[in-house]
Amino acid sequence: MWVTAGTYDAKAPIETRRSVYADVARWSRWADDIVWAKLDGPFQAGSSGRIRYRGAPPLRFTVVTVEAPNFYITEVPLLLARLTFDHRLTATEDGTRIVERISFSGPLSGLLGRIQGPRIKRSWPTAMARLDALAVNTAGCV
């Protein structure tokens, strides 16, 4: 298994996170590595969709868990591996603390972690800053 995690203190209130995370078609606006994403149905546990990462063919993904606004897990099954995004949000005095755990599991997890891990670690802080900016705009915060 390969795992990385990060913490980001966002300005936008936790309530705005639901609408930003649930708007799957806009994921590419805050995550550079996503070309497009589509969800077949509402953003709830059990829903699935398709996502295309830069340099990869379209892939299926599943919303595994939603406990809005505090907890979301999505998974992308890959050949001999699984990519999991675990988002944990906590309201703070100044906005929202985001703790995200990204992991590869399965027989190819070590290889995928060595190949994709550095890019994931590099791009995560920028993605969180963009996500926060979208949430701030959604909330009308300053």
Protein backbone atom coordinates (compact mmCIF):
# COMPACT_ATOMS: atom_id res chain seq x y z
CA MET A 1 0.00 0.00 0.00
CA TRP A 2 1.11 3.56 -0.76
CA VAL A 3 -0.31 6.45 1.27
CA THR A 4 0.11 10.19 1.48
CA ALA A 5 -1.84 12.66 3.58
CA GLY A 6 -2.07 16.40 3.91
CA THR A 7 -3.77 19.03 6.02
CA TYR A 8 -5.03 22.34 4.67
CA ASP A 9 -6.64 25.15 6.67
CA ALA A 10 -9.25 26.67 4.38
CA LYS A 11 -11.01 30.02 4.73
CA ALA A 12 -14.42 28.91 3.49
CA PRO A 13 -16.92 27.56 6.02
CA ILE A 14 -17.52 23.83 6.17
CA GLU A 15 -21.10 24.17 4.86
CA THR A 16 -19.84 25.27 1.43
CA ARG A 17 -17.70 22.14 1.04
CA ARG A 18 -20.69 19.92 0.32
CA SER A 19 -21.70 21.88 -2.77
CA VAL A 20 -18.11 22.12 -4.07
CA TYR A 21 -17.27 18.43 -3.51
CA ALA A 22 -20.69 17.30 -4.77
CA ASP A 23 -20.32 19.26 -8.03
CA VAL A 24 -18.29 16.53 -9.72
CA ALA A 25 -18.42 18.24 -13.14
CA ARG A 26 -16.36 21.11 -11.61
CA TRP A 27 -13.62 18.95 -10.08
CA SER A 28 -11.36 19.84 -13.01
CA ARG A 29 -11.58 23.51 -11.98
CA TRP A 30 -9.63 22.87 -8.80
CA ALA A 31 -7.62 19.73 -9.59
CA ASP A 32 -5.12 20.18 -12.47
CA ASP A 33 -4.71 16.44 -13.00
CA ILE A 34 -8.43 15.97 -13.78
CA VAL A 35 -9.50 16.62 -17.40
CA TRP A 36 -13.18 15.93 -16.69
CA ALA A 37 -15.44 14.05 -14.31
CA LYS A 38 -19.10 13.01 -14.49
CA LEU A 39 -21.32 11.47 -11.84
CA ASP A 40 -24.29 9.25 -12.74
CA GLY A 41 -26.75 10.34 -10.07
CA PRO A 42 -26.55 12.32 -6.84
CA PHE A 43 -23.38 12.69 -4.75
CA GLN A 44 -24.19 9.92 -2.29
CA ALA A 45 -22.76 6.60 -1.20
CA GLY A 46 -23.06 4.02 -3.98
CA SER A 47 -23.19 6.50 -6.86
CA SER A 48 -20.64 6.03 -9.62
CA GLY A 49 -19.30 8.00 -12.50
CA ARG A 50 -16.39 8.43 -14.87
CA ILE A 51 -13.26 10.49 -14.53
CA ARG A 52 -10.38 11.23 -16.87
CA TYR A 53 -6.99 12.11 -15.43
CA ARG A 54 -4.35 13.76 -17.61
CA GLY A 55 -2.41 11.12 -19.53
CA ALA A 56 -4.90 8.35 -18.70
CA PRO A 57 -7.99 6.87 -20.32
CA PRO A 58 -11.40 7.48 -18.72
CA LEU A 59 -11.90 5.46 -15.54
CA ARG A 60 -14.89 4.54 -13.37
CA PHE A 61 -15.09 5.83 -9.81
CA THR A 62 -17.48 5.24 -6.93
CA VAL A 63 -18.62 7.47 -4.10
CA VAL A 64 -18.09 5.07 -1.19
CA THR A 65 -19.13 7.18 1.80
CA VAL A 66 -20.76 10.57 2.30
CA GLU A 67 -21.34 12.01 5.74
CA ALA A 68 -21.84 15.63 4.78
CA PRO A 69 -20.30 17.98 5.47
CA ASN A 70 -17.54 16.16 7.38
CA PHE A 71 -16.53 13.04 5.49
CA TYR A 72 -16.29 11.83 1.88
CA ILE A 73 -14.55 8.81 0.37
CA THR A 74 -14.24 8.07 -3.35
CA GLU A 75 -12.50 5.15 -5.02
CA VAL A 76 -11.14 4.52 -8.50
CA PRO A 77 -10.60 0.82 -9.35
CA LEU A 78 -7.48 0.31 -11.46
CA LEU A 79 -5.86 -2.76 -12.96
CA LEU A 80 -4.51 -4.66 -9.90
CA ALA A 81 -4.90 -1.56 -7.71
CA ARG A 82 -7.38 0.87 -6.18
CA LEU A 83 -6.98 4.64 -5.77
CA THR A 84 -8.80 6.01 -2.71
CA PHE A 85 -9.44 9.63 -1.71
CA ASP A 86 -10.49 10.07 1.92
CA HIS A 87 -11.58 13.66 2.73
CA ARG A 88 -12.13 14.66 6.39
CA LEU A 89 -13.39 18.15 7.17
CA THR A 90 -13.68 19.90 10.51
CA ALA A 91 -15.18 23.33 11.16
CA THR A 92 -12.73 25.78 12.70
CA GLU A 93 -13.05 29.34 13.96
CA ASP A 94 -11.52 30.62 10.73
CA GLY A 95 -13.08 28.22 8.22
CA THR A 96 -12.45 24.52 7.65
CA ARG A 97 -9.57 22.14 8.29
CA ILE A 98 -9.26 19.63 5.45
CA VAL A 99 -7.37 16.40 6.04
CA GLU A 100 -7.06 14.28 2.94
CA ARG A 101 -5.57 10.81 2.70
CA ILE A 102 -4.79 9.51 -0.78
CA SER A 103 -3.79 5.88 -1.18
CA PHE A 104 -3.09 3.16 -3.69
CA SER A 105 -3.87 -0.37 -2.54
CA GLY A 106 -3.49 -3.72 -4.26
CA PRO A 107 -0.63 -5.59 -5.97
CA LEU A 108 0.51 -2.60 -8.07
CA SER A 109 0.19 -0.01 -5.28
CA GLY A 110 3.93 0.30 -4.67
CA LEU A 111 4.70 0.83 -8.34
CA LEU A 112 1.85 3.31 -8.82
CA GLY A 113 2.96 5.17 -5.69
CA ARG A 114 6.49 5.51 -7.02
CA ILE A 115 5.24 6.68 -10.43
CA GLN A 116 2.30 8.91 -9.43
CA GLY A 117 3.14 9.72 -5.79
CA PRO A 118 5.50 12.65 -6.39
CA ARG A 119 2.99 14.35 -8.72
CA ILE A 120 0.13 13.79 -6.27
CA LYS A 121 2.15 15.26 -3.39
CA ARG A 122 3.23 18.25 -5.50
CA SER A 123 -0.23 19.09 -6.84
CA TRP A 124 -2.25 18.60 -3.64
CA PRO A 125 -1.59 22.00 -1.96
CA THR A 126 -2.52 23.87 -5.17
CA ALA A 127 -5.68 21.80 -5.57
CA MET A 128 -6.70 22.60 -1.98
CA ALA A 129 -6.08 26.34 -2.50
CA ARG A 130 -8.22 26.28 -5.66
CA LEU A 131 -10.93 24.26 -3.90
CA ASP A 132 -10.95 26.84 -1.11
CA ALA A 133 -11.22 29.72 -3.58
CA LEU A 134 -14.24 28.07 -5.25
CA ALA A 135 -15.86 27.46 -1.86
CA VAL A 136 -15.20 31.05 -0.76
CA ASN A 137 -16.84 32.32 -3.96
CA THR A 138 -19.76 29.93 -3.43
CA ALA A 139 -20.23 31.15 0.14
CA GLY A 140 -19.74 34.81 -0.74
CA CYS A 141 -16.98 35.04 1.88
CA VAL A 142 -14.19 37.57 1.83
